[in-house]
Amino acid sequence: MDVEQPGLLRARTGRWLRVRVLGLLADPKTRIFRVLRAEREPEPDRGAPVIERDIDD
């Protein structure tokens, strides 16, 4: 990978970085797409909470 070469990232432009980031955001296979762009599934309905009580008879 070319980013491992010393000083190379300093020579890259803001446009270069922008194109890379937008490419990651547009690709559904990337983690950043799934976290930032994918719709979240609704929480499952778990019903009413169960309250346990001690009953002394």
N, C-alpha and C. Protein backbone atom coordinates (compact mmCIF):
# COMPACT_ATOMS: atom_id res chain seq x y z
N MET A 1 0.85 -1.18 0.00
CA MET A 1 0.00 0.00 0.00
C MET A 1 0.89 1.23 0.00
N ASP A 2 0.56 2.20 -0.79
CA ASP A 2 1.43 3.36 -0.94
C ASP A 2 1.42 4.30 0.26
N VAL A 3 0.41 4.25 1.11
CA VAL A 3 0.36 5.16 2.26
C VAL A 3 1.42 4.86 3.30
N GLU A 4 2.07 3.72 3.18
CA GLU A 4 3.12 3.36 4.13
C GLU A 4 4.45 4.03 3.81
N GLN A 5 4.57 4.65 2.64
CA GLN A 5 5.81 5.33 2.27
C GLN A 5 5.94 6.62 3.07
N PRO A 6 7.10 6.83 3.72
CA PRO A 6 7.29 8.04 4.54
C PRO A 6 7.07 9.33 3.74
N GLY A 7 6.29 10.24 4.31
CA GLY A 7 6.06 11.55 3.71
C GLY A 7 5.03 11.59 2.59
N LEU A 8 4.55 10.45 2.16
CA LEU A 8 3.62 10.44 1.03
C LEU A 8 2.29 11.11 1.37
N LEU A 9 1.76 10.86 2.55
CA LEU A 9 0.48 11.46 2.92
C LEU A 9 0.57 12.98 3.00
N ARG A 10 1.72 13.51 3.36
CA ARG A 10 1.89 14.97 3.40
C ARG A 10 1.79 15.57 2.01
N ALA A 11 2.13 14.79 0.99
CA ALA A 11 2.08 15.27 -0.39
C ALA A 11 0.69 15.15 -1.00
N ARG A 12 -0.18 14.40 -0.37
CA ARG A 12 -1.53 14.23 -0.91
C ARG A 12 -2.36 15.49 -0.67
N THR A 13 -3.31 15.73 -1.55
CA THR A 13 -4.16 16.92 -1.44
C THR A 13 -5.42 16.62 -0.64
N GLY A 14 -6.11 17.68 -0.26
CA GLY A 14 -7.40 17.53 0.42
C GLY A 14 -8.41 16.84 -0.48
N ARG A 15 -8.33 17.10 -1.78
CA ARG A 15 -9.23 16.46 -2.73
C ARG A 15 -8.99 14.95 -2.75
N TRP A 16 -7.74 14.52 -2.69
CA TRP A 16 -7.41 13.10 -2.66
C TRP A 16 -8.09 12.43 -1.46
N LEU A 17 -7.97 13.06 -0.29
CA LEU A 17 -8.57 12.50 0.92
C LEU A 17 -10.09 12.50 0.81
N ARG A 18 -10.66 13.58 0.30
CA ARG A 18 -12.12 13.68 0.15
C ARG A 18 -12.67 12.57 -0.73
N VAL A 19 -11.99 12.30 -1.84
CA VAL A 19 -12.44 11.25 -2.76
C VAL A 19 -12.41 9.89 -2.05
N ARG A 20 -11.36 9.63 -1.27
CA ARG A 20 -11.26 8.36 -0.55
C ARG A 20 -12.36 8.21 0.49
N VAL A 21 -12.59 9.26 1.27
CA VAL A 21 -13.60 9.19 2.33
C VAL A 21 -15.00 9.03 1.72
N LEU A 22 -15.30 9.80 0.68
CA LEU A 22 -16.62 9.67 0.05
C LEU A 22 -16.79 8.29 -0.58
N GLY A 23 -15.73 7.72 -1.08
CA GLY A 23 -15.79 6.37 -1.63
C GLY A 23 -16.13 5.35 -0.54
N LEU A 24 -15.55 5.51 0.63
CA LEU A 24 -15.86 4.61 1.74
C LEU A 24 -17.31 4.77 2.20
N LEU A 25 -17.80 6.00 2.21
CA LEU A 25 -19.18 6.25 2.64
C LEU A 25 -20.20 5.73 1.64
N ALA A 26 -19.80 5.59 0.38
CA ALA A 26 -20.72 5.14 -0.66
C ALA A 26 -20.73 3.63 -0.84
N ASP A 27 -19.79 2.93 -0.23
CA ASP A 27 -19.67 1.49 -0.43
C ASP A 27 -20.33 0.74 0.73
N PRO A 28 -21.45 0.06 0.49
CA PRO A 28 -22.17 -0.64 1.56
C PRO A 28 -21.36 -1.75 2.23
N LYS A 29 -20.24 -2.16 1.64
CA LYS A 29 -19.43 -3.21 2.23
C LYS A 29 -18.50 -2.69 3.33
N THR A 30 -18.38 -1.37 3.47
CA THR A 30 -17.46 -0.82 4.47
C THR A 30 -18.15 -0.64 5.81
N ARG A 31 -17.37 -0.73 6.87
CA ARG A 31 -17.92 -0.55 8.22
C ARG A 31 -18.44 0.86 8.42
N ILE A 32 -17.73 1.86 7.89
CA ILE A 32 -18.16 3.24 8.10
C ILE A 32 -19.51 3.50 7.43
N PHE A 33 -19.76 2.88 6.29
CA PHE A 33 -21.08 3.01 5.64
C PHE A 33 -22.16 2.45 6.54
N ARG A 34 -21.91 1.23 7.06
CA ARG A 34 -22.94 0.59 7.88
C ARG A 34 -23.22 1.38 9.16
N VAL A 35 -22.20 1.97 9.74
CA VAL A 35 -22.39 2.71 10.99
C VAL A 35 -23.06 4.05 10.75
N LEU A 36 -22.61 4.79 9.73
CA LEU A 36 -23.09 6.16 9.55
C LEU A 36 -24.26 6.30 8.59
N ARG A 37 -24.40 5.42 7.62
CA ARG A 37 -25.40 5.64 6.59
C ARG A 37 -26.55 4.64 6.60
N ALA A 38 -26.32 3.45 7.11
CA ALA A 38 -27.36 2.43 7.06
C ALA A 38 -28.48 2.76 8.04
N GLU A 39 -29.68 2.41 7.68
CA GLU A 39 -30.81 2.61 8.58
C GLU A 39 -30.74 1.59 9.69
N ARG A 40 -31.04 2.03 10.88
CA ARG A 40 -31.02 1.12 12.02
C ARG A 40 -32.33 0.37 12.11
N GLU A 41 -32.23 -0.87 12.53
CA GLU A 41 -33.42 -1.67 12.72
C GLU A 41 -34.09 -1.27 14.02
N PRO A 42 -35.42 -1.27 14.07
CA PRO A 42 -36.10 -0.91 15.32
C PRO A 42 -35.81 -1.93 16.42
N GLU A 43 -35.85 -1.47 17.64
CA GLU A 43 -35.64 -2.35 18.79
C GLU A 43 -36.79 -3.36 18.86
N PRO A 44 -36.50 -4.61 19.18
CA PRO A 44 -37.58 -5.61 19.29
C PRO A 44 -38.47 -5.29 20.49
N ASP A 45 -39.76 -5.60 20.34
CA ASP A 45 -40.71 -5.38 21.43
C ASP A 45 -40.53 -6.50 22.44
N ARG A 46 -40.18 -6.14 23.65
CA ARG A 46 -39.92 -7.15 24.68
C ARG A 46 -41.08 -7.27 25.66
N GLY A 47 -42.15 -6.56 25.42
CA GLY A 47 -43.31 -6.65 26.30
C GLY A 47 -43.09 -5.91 27.61
N ALA A 48 -44.04 -6.08 28.50
CA ALA A 48 -43.96 -5.42 29.80
C ALA A 48 -42.91 -6.11 30.68
N PRO A 49 -42.23 -5.35 31.53
CA PRO A 49 -41.24 -5.98 32.41
C PRO A 49 -41.92 -6.85 33.45
N VAL A 50 -41.24 -7.91 33.84
CA VAL A 50 -41.75 -8.82 34.87
C VAL A 50 -41.19 -8.38 36.21
N ILE A 51 -42.09 -8.18 37.17
CA ILE A 51 -41.67 -7.74 38.51
C ILE A 51 -41.92 -8.89 39.47
N GLU A 52 -40.83 -9.33 40.08
CA GLU A 52 -40.96 -10.43 41.05
C GLU A 52 -41.05 -9.83 42.45
N ARG A 53 -41.96 -10.38 43.25
CA ARG A 53 -42.11 -9.89 44.63
C ARG A 53 -42.10 -11.07 45.57
N ASP A 54 -41.53 -10.86 46.72
CA ASP A 54 -41.59 -11.87 47.78
C ASP A 54 -42.89 -11.68 48.54
N ILE A 55 -43.64 -12.75 48.66
CA ILE A 55 -44.90 -12.68 49.40
C ILE A 55 -44.78 -13.64 50.58
N ASP A 56 -44.83 -13.06 51.78
CA ASP A 56 -44.77 -13.89 52.98
C ASP A 56 -46.18 -14.28 53.37
N ASP A 57 -46.43 -15.60 53.46
CA ASP A 57 -47.77 -16.07 53.85
C ASP A 57 -47.74 -16.60 55.25
